[in-house]
Amino acid sequence: MPRKPASGKPPAAYDVALRLLARREHSAQELKRKLAARGLEGGESREAIDRLQDQRYQDDERFAAMLVRNRAAQGYGPQRIRAELKTHAVTDARIRQLLEEAEVDWEESALDQLRRRYGRKAPADHAERARRAQFLLRRGFAAATVRRATHAEVDDAADEID
């Protein structure tokens, strides 16, 4: 529910959107949804978002690049990041470009996630390896990356024993 100023009128869409952007970056699509959820009119919301974009307070390019950097740093894979960007109306071509520009070694990222979650101990059996693979798949890593990471993990453990 939007806060009402002393005048008793609900705050303008611009004010609500600006407060949202003060907390974190938002895509224009996300702002539009949040303003609609607060009962603010579509035309007023569109004008507010346009004004914020003109002032460079809201920028979909900046938002998308930030999202890719943050999610990759949190250990999510490219498929999960791609799906999230699509919910913010980012085009497929732009998503490909952003993922390439991120220059993330997805295989190393997957291995890092396995080490964080399971330590350096090799999987005890096939079922354990499958659990680890499912973990990486849920985080959005490609099947080929998961296969290489789960097999590399076993190879690394064997090297440590030798």
N, C-alpha and C. Protein backbone atom coordinates (compact mmCIF):
# COMPACT_ATOMS: atom_id res chain seq x y z
N MET A 1 0.85 -1.18 0.00
CA MET A 1 0.00 0.00 0.00
C MET A 1 0.89 1.24 0.00
N PRO A 2 0.68 2.17 -0.95
CA PRO A 2 1.51 3.37 -0.99
C PRO A 2 1.26 4.25 0.22
N ARG A 3 2.34 4.86 0.68
CA ARG A 3 2.21 5.79 1.79
C ARG A 3 1.51 7.06 1.32
N LYS A 4 0.70 7.63 2.20
CA LYS A 4 0.02 8.87 1.85
C LYS A 4 0.74 10.03 2.50
N PRO A 5 1.09 11.05 1.70
CA PRO A 5 1.71 12.22 2.30
C PRO A 5 0.70 12.98 3.16
N ALA A 6 1.16 14.01 3.82
CA ALA A 6 0.31 14.80 4.72
C ALA A 6 -0.93 15.33 4.01
N SER A 7 -0.85 15.56 2.70
CA SER A 7 -1.99 16.09 1.95
C SER A 7 -3.11 15.07 1.80
N GLY A 8 -2.82 13.78 2.10
CA GLY A 8 -3.84 12.74 2.01
C GLY A 8 -3.90 12.06 0.65
N LYS A 9 -3.18 12.60 -0.35
CA LYS A 9 -3.17 11.99 -1.68
C LYS A 9 -2.09 10.92 -1.74
N PRO A 10 -2.31 9.86 -2.51
CA PRO A 10 -1.25 8.86 -2.65
C PRO A 10 -0.06 9.48 -3.37
N PRO A 11 1.15 8.97 -3.11
CA PRO A 11 2.34 9.54 -3.76
C PRO A 11 2.30 9.32 -5.27
N ALA A 12 2.93 10.19 -5.99
CA ALA A 12 2.99 10.08 -7.45
C ALA A 12 3.84 8.87 -7.83
N ALA A 13 3.57 8.36 -9.00
CA ALA A 13 4.31 7.20 -9.50
C ALA A 13 5.81 7.49 -9.54
N TYR A 14 6.17 8.70 -9.90
CA TYR A 14 7.58 9.07 -9.96
C TYR A 14 8.24 8.91 -8.59
N ASP A 15 7.58 9.39 -7.55
CA ASP A 15 8.15 9.31 -6.19
C ASP A 15 8.31 7.86 -5.74
N VAL A 16 7.31 7.04 -6.02
CA VAL A 16 7.37 5.63 -5.63
C VAL A 16 8.50 4.94 -6.39
N ALA A 17 8.59 5.18 -7.69
CA ALA A 17 9.63 4.55 -8.51
C ALA A 17 11.02 5.01 -8.07
N LEU A 18 11.15 6.27 -7.75
CA LEU A 18 12.44 6.80 -7.31
C LEU A 18 12.87 6.15 -5.99
N ARG A 19 11.93 5.96 -5.08
CA ARG A 19 12.24 5.27 -3.81
C ARG A 19 12.68 3.83 -4.07
N LEU A 20 12.02 3.16 -5.00
CA LEU A 20 12.41 1.79 -5.35
C LEU A 20 13.83 1.75 -5.92
N LEU A 21 14.14 2.70 -6.78
CA LEU A 21 15.47 2.74 -7.40
C LEU A 21 16.54 3.15 -6.40
N ALA A 22 16.16 3.83 -5.34
CA ALA A 22 17.14 4.22 -4.33
C ALA A 22 17.66 2.99 -3.58
N ARG A 23 16.85 1.94 -3.54
CA ARG A 23 17.26 0.71 -2.84
C ARG A 23 18.15 -0.16 -3.69
N ARG A 24 17.80 -0.31 -4.99
CA ARG A 24 18.58 -1.14 -5.91
C ARG A 24 18.12 -0.84 -7.34
N GLU A 25 18.92 -1.33 -8.29
CA GLU A 25 18.55 -1.18 -9.71
C GLU A 25 17.29 -2.01 -10.00
N HIS A 26 16.47 -1.50 -10.89
CA HIS A 26 15.29 -2.21 -11.36
C HIS A 26 15.21 -2.05 -12.87
N SER A 27 14.66 -3.03 -13.56
CA SER A 27 14.39 -2.88 -14.99
C SER A 27 13.11 -2.05 -15.13
N ALA A 28 12.90 -1.48 -16.30
CA ALA A 28 11.68 -0.71 -16.54
C ALA A 28 10.46 -1.61 -16.38
N GLN A 29 10.57 -2.84 -16.86
CA GLN A 29 9.47 -3.81 -16.75
C GLN A 29 9.14 -4.08 -15.28
N GLU A 30 10.16 -4.26 -14.48
CA GLU A 30 9.97 -4.54 -13.06
C GLU A 30 9.32 -3.34 -12.36
N LEU A 31 9.78 -2.13 -12.69
CA LEU A 31 9.18 -0.93 -12.10
C LEU A 31 7.71 -0.83 -12.48
N LYS A 32 7.41 -1.11 -13.74
CA LYS A 32 6.03 -1.04 -14.21
C LYS A 32 5.14 -1.99 -13.41
N ARG A 33 5.64 -3.23 -13.18
CA ARG A 33 4.88 -4.22 -12.41
C ARG A 33 4.67 -3.75 -10.97
N LYS A 34 5.73 -3.22 -10.36
CA LYS A 34 5.63 -2.80 -8.97
C LYS A 34 4.70 -1.59 -8.81
N LEU A 35 4.73 -0.68 -9.75
CA LEU A 35 3.84 0.47 -9.68
C LEU A 35 2.39 0.04 -9.87
N ALA A 36 2.15 -0.89 -10.79
CA ALA A 36 0.79 -1.40 -11.01
C ALA A 36 0.28 -2.12 -9.77
N ALA A 37 1.16 -2.86 -9.09
CA ALA A 37 0.77 -3.57 -7.87
C ALA A 37 0.39 -2.59 -6.76
N ARG A 38 0.91 -1.38 -6.84
CA ARG A 38 0.58 -0.35 -5.85
C ARG A 38 -0.63 0.48 -6.28
N GLY A 39 -1.25 0.08 -7.39
CA GLY A 39 -2.47 0.74 -7.84
C GLY A 39 -2.24 2.05 -8.57
N LEU A 40 -1.04 2.26 -9.06
CA LEU A 40 -0.75 3.50 -9.79
C LEU A 40 -1.08 3.31 -11.26
N GLU A 41 -1.69 4.31 -11.86
CA GLU A 41 -2.20 4.26 -13.22
C GLU A 41 -1.10 4.03 -14.24
N GLY A 42 -1.42 3.28 -15.32
CA GLY A 42 -0.45 2.93 -16.35
C GLY A 42 0.19 4.12 -17.04
N GLY A 43 -0.60 5.12 -17.41
CA GLY A 43 -0.06 6.30 -18.09
C GLY A 43 0.88 7.09 -17.20
N GLU A 44 0.49 7.25 -15.96
CA GLU A 44 1.34 7.97 -15.00
C GLU A 44 2.62 7.19 -14.75
N SER A 45 2.51 5.86 -14.67
CA SER A 45 3.69 5.01 -14.46
C SER A 45 4.64 5.12 -15.64
N ARG A 46 4.10 5.08 -16.85
CA ARG A 46 4.94 5.16 -18.06
C ARG A 46 5.68 6.50 -18.09
N GLU A 47 4.97 7.58 -17.78
CA GLU A 47 5.60 8.91 -17.75
C GLU A 47 6.71 8.97 -16.70
N ALA A 48 6.45 8.39 -15.54
CA ALA A 48 7.44 8.39 -14.46
C ALA A 48 8.68 7.62 -14.88
N ILE A 49 8.49 6.47 -15.48
CA ILE A 49 9.63 5.65 -15.92
C ILE A 49 10.41 6.38 -17.02
N ASP A 50 9.69 7.00 -17.95
CA ASP A 50 10.37 7.77 -19.01
C ASP A 50 11.21 8.90 -18.41
N ARG A 51 10.65 9.58 -17.44
CA ARG A 51 11.37 10.68 -16.78
C ARG A 51 12.62 10.17 -16.06
N LEU A 52 12.48 9.05 -15.36
CA LEU A 52 13.61 8.46 -14.66
C LEU A 52 14.70 8.01 -15.64
N GLN A 53 14.28 7.51 -16.80
CA GLN A 53 15.25 7.11 -17.82
C GLN A 53 15.96 8.34 -18.40
N ASP A 54 15.22 9.42 -18.64
CA ASP A 54 15.83 10.66 -19.14
C ASP A 54 16.86 11.19 -18.15
N GLN A 55 16.60 11.03 -16.87
CA GLN A 55 17.51 11.50 -15.83
C GLN A 55 18.63 10.49 -15.54
N ARG A 56 18.59 9.35 -16.23
CA ARG A 56 19.58 8.27 -16.08
C ARG A 56 19.51 7.60 -14.70
N TYR A 57 18.39 7.72 -14.01
CA TYR A 57 18.21 7.00 -12.74
C TYR A 57 17.83 5.55 -13.02
N GLN A 58 17.16 5.32 -14.14
CA GLN A 58 16.79 3.97 -14.53
C GLN A 58 17.36 3.72 -15.91
N ASP A 59 18.08 2.59 -16.03
CA ASP A 59 18.71 2.24 -17.30
C ASP A 59 18.69 0.72 -17.42
N ASP A 60 17.96 0.22 -18.40
CA ASP A 60 17.85 -1.24 -18.56
C ASP A 60 19.19 -1.89 -18.89
N GLU A 61 20.05 -1.21 -19.64
CA GLU A 61 21.37 -1.76 -19.96
C GLU A 61 22.21 -1.91 -18.69
N ARG A 62 22.22 -0.89 -17.87
CA ARG A 62 22.97 -0.93 -16.62
C ARG A 62 22.41 -2.01 -15.70
N PHE A 63 21.08 -2.10 -15.64
CA PHE A 63 20.43 -3.12 -14.83
C PHE A 63 20.84 -4.52 -15.28
N ALA A 64 20.78 -4.79 -16.58
CA ALA A 64 21.08 -6.12 -17.11
C ALA A 64 22.54 -6.49 -16.83
N ALA A 65 23.45 -5.56 -17.05
CA ALA A 65 24.88 -5.84 -16.80
C ALA A 65 25.11 -6.13 -15.32
N MET A 66 24.46 -5.36 -14.45
CA MET A 66 24.59 -5.56 -13.00
C MET A 66 24.05 -6.93 -12.61
N LEU A 67 22.93 -7.31 -13.18
CA LEU A 67 22.31 -8.60 -12.84
C LEU A 67 23.24 -9.75 -13.23
N VAL A 68 23.83 -9.68 -14.42
CA VAL A 68 24.74 -10.74 -14.86
C VAL A 68 25.94 -10.82 -13.92
N ARG A 69 26.55 -9.69 -13.61
CA ARG A 69 27.72 -9.69 -12.70
C ARG A 69 27.35 -10.27 -11.34
N ASN A 70 26.24 -9.82 -10.78
CA ASN A 70 25.85 -10.28 -9.45
C ASN A 70 25.52 -11.76 -9.41
N ARG A 71 24.73 -12.22 -10.37
CA ARG A 71 24.34 -13.64 -10.36
C ARG A 71 25.54 -14.55 -10.63
N ALA A 72 26.44 -14.14 -11.52
CA ALA A 72 27.64 -14.95 -11.77
C ALA A 72 28.49 -15.00 -10.50
N ALA A 73 28.60 -13.88 -9.81
CA ALA A 73 29.38 -13.85 -8.56
C ALA A 73 28.73 -14.69 -7.47
N GLN A 74 27.42 -14.85 -7.52
CA GLN A 74 26.70 -15.67 -6.55
C GLN A 74 26.77 -17.15 -6.91
N GLY A 75 27.40 -17.48 -8.04
CA GLY A 75 27.57 -18.87 -8.42
C GLY A 75 26.46 -19.46 -9.26
N TYR A 76 25.67 -18.62 -9.91
CA TYR A 76 24.63 -19.14 -10.79
C TYR A 76 25.19 -19.32 -12.18
N GLY A 77 24.63 -20.29 -12.90
CA GLY A 77 25.08 -20.60 -14.25
C GLY A 77 24.38 -19.75 -15.29
N PRO A 78 24.85 -19.84 -16.53
CA PRO A 78 24.32 -18.99 -17.60
C PRO A 78 22.85 -19.24 -17.94
N GLN A 79 22.39 -20.47 -17.79
CA GLN A 79 20.99 -20.74 -18.11
C GLN A 79 20.05 -20.07 -17.10
N ARG A 80 20.41 -20.09 -15.85
CA ARG A 80 19.60 -19.45 -14.82
C ARG A 80 19.61 -17.93 -15.02
N ILE A 81 20.77 -17.37 -15.33
CA ILE A 81 20.89 -15.93 -15.56
C ILE A 81 20.07 -15.53 -16.78
N ARG A 82 20.16 -16.35 -17.85
CA ARG A 82 19.41 -16.07 -19.08
C ARG A 82 17.91 -16.04 -18.78
N ALA A 83 17.43 -17.00 -18.02
CA ALA A 83 16.00 -17.06 -17.70
C ALA A 83 15.57 -15.83 -16.91
N GLU A 84 16.40 -15.40 -15.98
CA GLU A 84 16.04 -14.22 -15.19
C GLU A 84 16.04 -12.96 -16.05
N LEU A 85 17.01 -12.83 -16.95
CA LEU A 85 17.04 -11.66 -17.83
C LEU A 85 15.81 -11.62 -18.73
N LYS A 86 15.34 -12.79 -19.18
CA LYS A 86 14.15 -12.83 -20.03
C LYS A 86 12.92 -12.30 -19.29
N THR A 87 12.84 -12.50 -17.99
CA THR A 87 11.70 -11.98 -17.24
C THR A 87 11.72 -10.46 -17.16
N HIS A 88 12.86 -9.87 -17.50
CA HIS A 88 12.99 -8.41 -17.51
C HIS A 88 12.98 -7.86 -18.93
N ALA A 89 12.52 -8.66 -19.88
CA ALA A 89 12.35 -8.26 -21.28
C ALA A 89 13.66 -7.91 -21.97
N VAL A 90 14.74 -8.59 -21.61
CA VAL A 90 16.02 -8.41 -22.30
C VAL A 90 16.02 -9.36 -23.50
N THR A 91 16.46 -8.86 -24.66
CA THR A 91 16.43 -9.67 -25.88
C THR A 91 17.48 -10.78 -25.83
N ASP A 92 17.25 -11.83 -26.62
CA ASP A 92 18.18 -12.96 -26.68
C ASP A 92 19.57 -12.51 -27.14
N ALA A 93 19.60 -11.65 -28.14
CA ALA A 93 20.90 -11.17 -28.65
C ALA A 93 21.66 -10.41 -27.57
N ARG A 94 20.96 -9.59 -26.83
CA ARG A 94 21.61 -8.82 -25.76
C ARG A 94 22.06 -9.75 -24.63
N ILE A 95 21.28 -10.77 -24.32
CA ILE A 95 21.65 -11.73 -23.28
C ILE A 95 22.95 -12.44 -23.67
N ARG A 96 23.02 -12.91 -24.92
CA ARG A 96 24.25 -13.56 -25.39
C ARG A 96 25.44 -12.63 -25.24
N GLN A 97 25.26 -11.38 -25.64
CA GLN A 97 26.34 -10.40 -25.56
C GLN A 97 26.77 -10.16 -24.11
N LEU A 98 25.82 -10.01 -23.22
CA LEU A 98 26.13 -9.78 -21.81
C LEU A 98 26.88 -10.96 -21.19
N LEU A 99 26.46 -12.18 -21.52
CA LEU A 99 27.12 -13.36 -20.97
C LEU A 99 28.54 -13.49 -21.51
N GLU A 100 28.74 -13.14 -22.77
CA GLU A 100 30.09 -13.17 -23.34
C GLU A 100 30.97 -12.10 -22.70
N GLU A 101 30.42 -10.90 -22.53
CA GLU A 101 31.18 -9.79 -21.94
C GLU A 101 31.56 -10.07 -20.48
N ALA A 102 30.77 -10.90 -19.81
CA ALA A 102 31.05 -11.21 -18.41
C ALA A 102 32.35 -11.99 -18.26
N GLU A 103 32.75 -12.71 -19.31
CA GLU A 103 34.00 -13.47 -19.33
C GLU A 103 34.13 -14.38 -18.10
N VAL A 104 33.09 -15.15 -17.85
CA VAL A 104 33.09 -16.07 -16.72
C VAL A 104 33.52 -17.44 -17.21
N ASP A 105 34.38 -18.09 -16.47
CA ASP A 105 34.74 -19.48 -16.74
C ASP A 105 33.67 -20.32 -16.03
N TRP A 106 32.65 -20.73 -16.79
CA TRP A 106 31.50 -21.41 -16.19
C TRP A 106 31.90 -22.75 -15.57
N GLU A 107 32.86 -23.42 -16.17
CA GLU A 107 33.29 -24.70 -15.62
C GLU A 107 33.97 -24.48 -14.26
N GLU A 108 34.82 -23.49 -14.17
CA GLU A 108 35.48 -23.18 -12.90
C GLU A 108 34.45 -22.74 -11.85
N SER A 109 33.46 -21.98 -12.29
CA SER A 109 32.40 -21.55 -11.39
C SER A 109 31.62 -22.75 -10.85
N ALA A 110 31.33 -23.71 -11.73
CA ALA A 110 30.62 -24.93 -11.31
C ALA A 110 31.46 -25.72 -10.30
N LEU A 111 32.75 -25.86 -10.58
CA LEU A 111 33.63 -26.56 -9.64
C LEU A 111 33.68 -25.85 -8.29
N ASP A 112 33.71 -24.53 -8.33
CA ASP A 112 33.73 -23.75 -7.09
C ASP A 112 32.45 -23.99 -6.28
N GLN A 113 31.31 -24.07 -6.96
CA GLN A 113 30.05 -24.33 -6.27
C GLN A 113 30.05 -25.72 -5.64
N LEU A 114 30.61 -26.69 -6.36
CA LEU A 114 30.70 -28.05 -5.80
C LEU A 114 31.58 -28.06 -4.56
N ARG A 115 32.71 -27.37 -4.62
CA ARG A 115 33.62 -27.33 -3.46
C ARG A 115 32.96 -26.65 -2.27
N ARG A 116 32.24 -25.58 -2.53
CA ARG A 116 31.57 -24.88 -1.43
C ARG A 116 30.51 -25.74 -0.78
N ARG A 117 29.78 -26.46 -1.59
CA ARG A 117 28.66 -27.25 -1.09
C ARG A 117 29.10 -28.58 -0.48
N TYR A 118 30.06 -29.25 -1.15
CA TYR A 118 30.41 -30.61 -0.75
C TYR A 118 31.85 -30.78 -0.27
N GLY A 119 32.62 -29.72 -0.26
CA GLY A 119 34.02 -29.84 0.12
C GLY A 119 34.83 -30.47 -1.00
N ARG A 120 36.01 -30.94 -0.67
CA ARG A 120 36.90 -31.52 -1.69
C ARG A 120 36.80 -33.04 -1.77
N LYS A 121 35.96 -33.62 -0.95
CA LYS A 121 35.83 -35.08 -0.93
C LYS A 121 35.09 -35.56 -2.18
N ALA A 122 35.63 -36.58 -2.81
CA ALA A 122 35.02 -37.15 -4.02
C ALA A 122 33.68 -37.79 -3.67
N PRO A 123 32.76 -37.85 -4.63
CA PRO A 123 31.48 -38.51 -4.36
C PRO A 123 31.70 -39.99 -4.04
N ALA A 124 30.95 -40.48 -3.07
CA ALA A 124 31.11 -41.87 -2.61
C ALA A 124 30.63 -42.88 -3.64
N ASP A 125 29.59 -42.52 -4.38
CA ASP A 125 29.03 -43.47 -5.35
C ASP A 125 28.34 -42.70 -6.48
N HIS A 126 27.76 -43.46 -7.37
CA HIS A 126 27.08 -42.86 -8.52
C HIS A 126 25.90 -41.98 -8.08
N ALA A 127 25.17 -42.40 -7.07
CA ALA A 127 24.02 -41.63 -6.59
C ALA A 127 24.47 -40.27 -6.06
N GLU A 128 25.59 -40.24 -5.36
CA GLU A 128 26.12 -38.98 -4.85
C GLU A 128 26.55 -38.06 -5.99
N ARG A 129 27.17 -38.62 -7.00
CA ARG A 129 27.57 -37.83 -8.17
C ARG A 129 26.32 -37.26 -8.85
N ALA A 130 25.27 -38.06 -8.93
CA ALA A 130 24.01 -37.59 -9.54
C ALA A 130 23.41 -36.45 -8.73
N ARG A 131 23.47 -36.53 -7.39
CA ARG A 131 22.97 -35.44 -6.53
C ARG A 131 23.74 -34.15 -6.80
N ARG A 132 25.04 -34.28 -6.93
CA ARG A 132 25.88 -33.11 -7.20
C ARG A 132 25.57 -32.52 -8.57
N ALA A 133 25.35 -33.38 -9.53
CA ALA A 133 24.99 -32.91 -10.87
C ALA A 133 23.66 -32.16 -10.84
N GLN A 134 22.68 -32.71 -10.12
CA GLN A 134 21.37 -32.05 -10.01
C GLN A 134 21.50 -30.68 -9.35
N PHE A 135 22.36 -30.59 -8.35
CA PHE A 135 22.62 -29.31 -7.68
C PHE A 135 23.10 -28.27 -8.69
N LEU A 136 24.06 -28.66 -9.53
CA LEU A 136 24.58 -27.71 -10.52
C LEU A 136 23.55 -27.38 -11.59
N LEU A 137 22.77 -28.36 -12.00
CA LEU A 137 21.73 -28.10 -12.99
C LEU A 137 20.69 -27.12 -12.45
N ARG A 138 20.32 -27.26 -11.17
CA ARG A 138 19.36 -26.33 -10.56
C ARG A 138 19.93 -24.91 -10.49
N ARG A 139 21.23 -24.79 -10.37
CA ARG A 139 21.87 -23.47 -10.32
C ARG A 139 22.02 -22.86 -11.71
N GLY A 140 21.67 -23.62 -12.76
CA GLY A 140 21.64 -23.06 -14.09
C GLY A 140 22.85 -23.32 -14.95
N PHE A 141 23.62 -24.36 -14.63
CA PHE A 141 24.76 -24.71 -15.47
C PHE A 141 24.31 -25.66 -16.56
N ALA A 142 24.94 -25.57 -17.72
CA ALA A 142 24.62 -26.44 -18.85
C ALA A 142 25.02 -27.88 -18.54
N ALA A 143 24.32 -28.82 -19.14
CA ALA A 143 24.58 -30.24 -18.88
C ALA A 143 26.03 -30.62 -19.20
N ALA A 144 26.57 -30.10 -20.28
CA ALA A 144 27.96 -30.42 -20.64
C ALA A 144 28.92 -29.90 -19.58
N THR A 145 28.67 -28.71 -19.07
CA THR A 145 29.51 -28.14 -18.01
C THR A 145 29.40 -28.99 -16.75
N VAL A 146 28.20 -29.41 -16.42
CA VAL A 146 27.97 -30.23 -15.23
C VAL A 146 28.71 -31.56 -15.36
N ARG A 147 28.62 -32.16 -16.53
CA ARG A 147 29.30 -33.44 -16.76
C ARG A 147 30.81 -33.28 -16.58
N ARG A 148 31.38 -32.24 -17.19
CA ARG A 148 32.83 -32.02 -17.05
C ARG A 148 33.20 -31.72 -15.60
N ALA A 149 32.39 -30.92 -14.92
CA ALA A 149 32.71 -30.54 -13.53
C ALA A 149 32.61 -31.74 -12.59
N THR A 150 31.60 -32.55 -12.73
CA THR A 150 31.46 -33.69 -11.82
C THR A 150 32.52 -34.74 -12.09
N HIS A 151 32.96 -34.89 -13.33
CA HIS A 151 34.04 -35.83 -13.64
C HIS A 151 35.39 -35.25 -13.25
N ALA A 152 35.59 -33.96 -13.43
CA ALA A 152 36.84 -33.32 -13.03
C ALA A 152 37.03 -33.42 -11.53
N GLU A 153 35.92 -33.31 -10.80
CA GLU A 153 35.97 -33.40 -9.34
C GLU A 153 36.52 -34.77 -8.92
N VAL A 154 36.08 -35.81 -9.58
CA VAL A 154 36.54 -37.17 -9.28
C VAL A 154 38.02 -37.30 -9.64
N ASP A 155 38.39 -36.77 -10.81
CA ASP A 155 39.79 -36.83 -11.24
C ASP A 155 40.70 -36.08 -10.28
N ASP A 156 40.26 -34.91 -9.80
CA ASP A 156 41.06 -34.12 -8.85
C ASP A 156 41.27 -34.89 -7.54
N ALA A 157 40.22 -35.56 -7.07
CA ALA A 157 40.33 -36.32 -5.82
C ALA A 157 41.31 -37.49 -5.99
N ALA A 158 41.29 -38.12 -7.16
CA ALA A 158 42.20 -39.23 -7.42
C ALA A 158 43.64 -38.73 -7.46
N ASP A 159 43.87 -37.53 -8.02
CA ASP A 159 45.21 -36.94 -8.06
C ASP A 159 45.73 -36.67 -6.66
N GLU A 160 44.84 -36.24 -5.77
CA GLU A 160 45.25 -35.93 -4.39
C GLU A 160 45.67 -37.20 -3.64
N ILE A 161 45.07 -38.34 -3.97
CA ILE A 161 45.38 -39.61 -3.31
C ILE A 161 46.76 -40.10 -3.74
N ASP A 162 47.09 -39.89 -5.03
CA ASP A 162 48.39 -40.36 -5.57
C ASP A 162 49.53 -39.68 -4.97
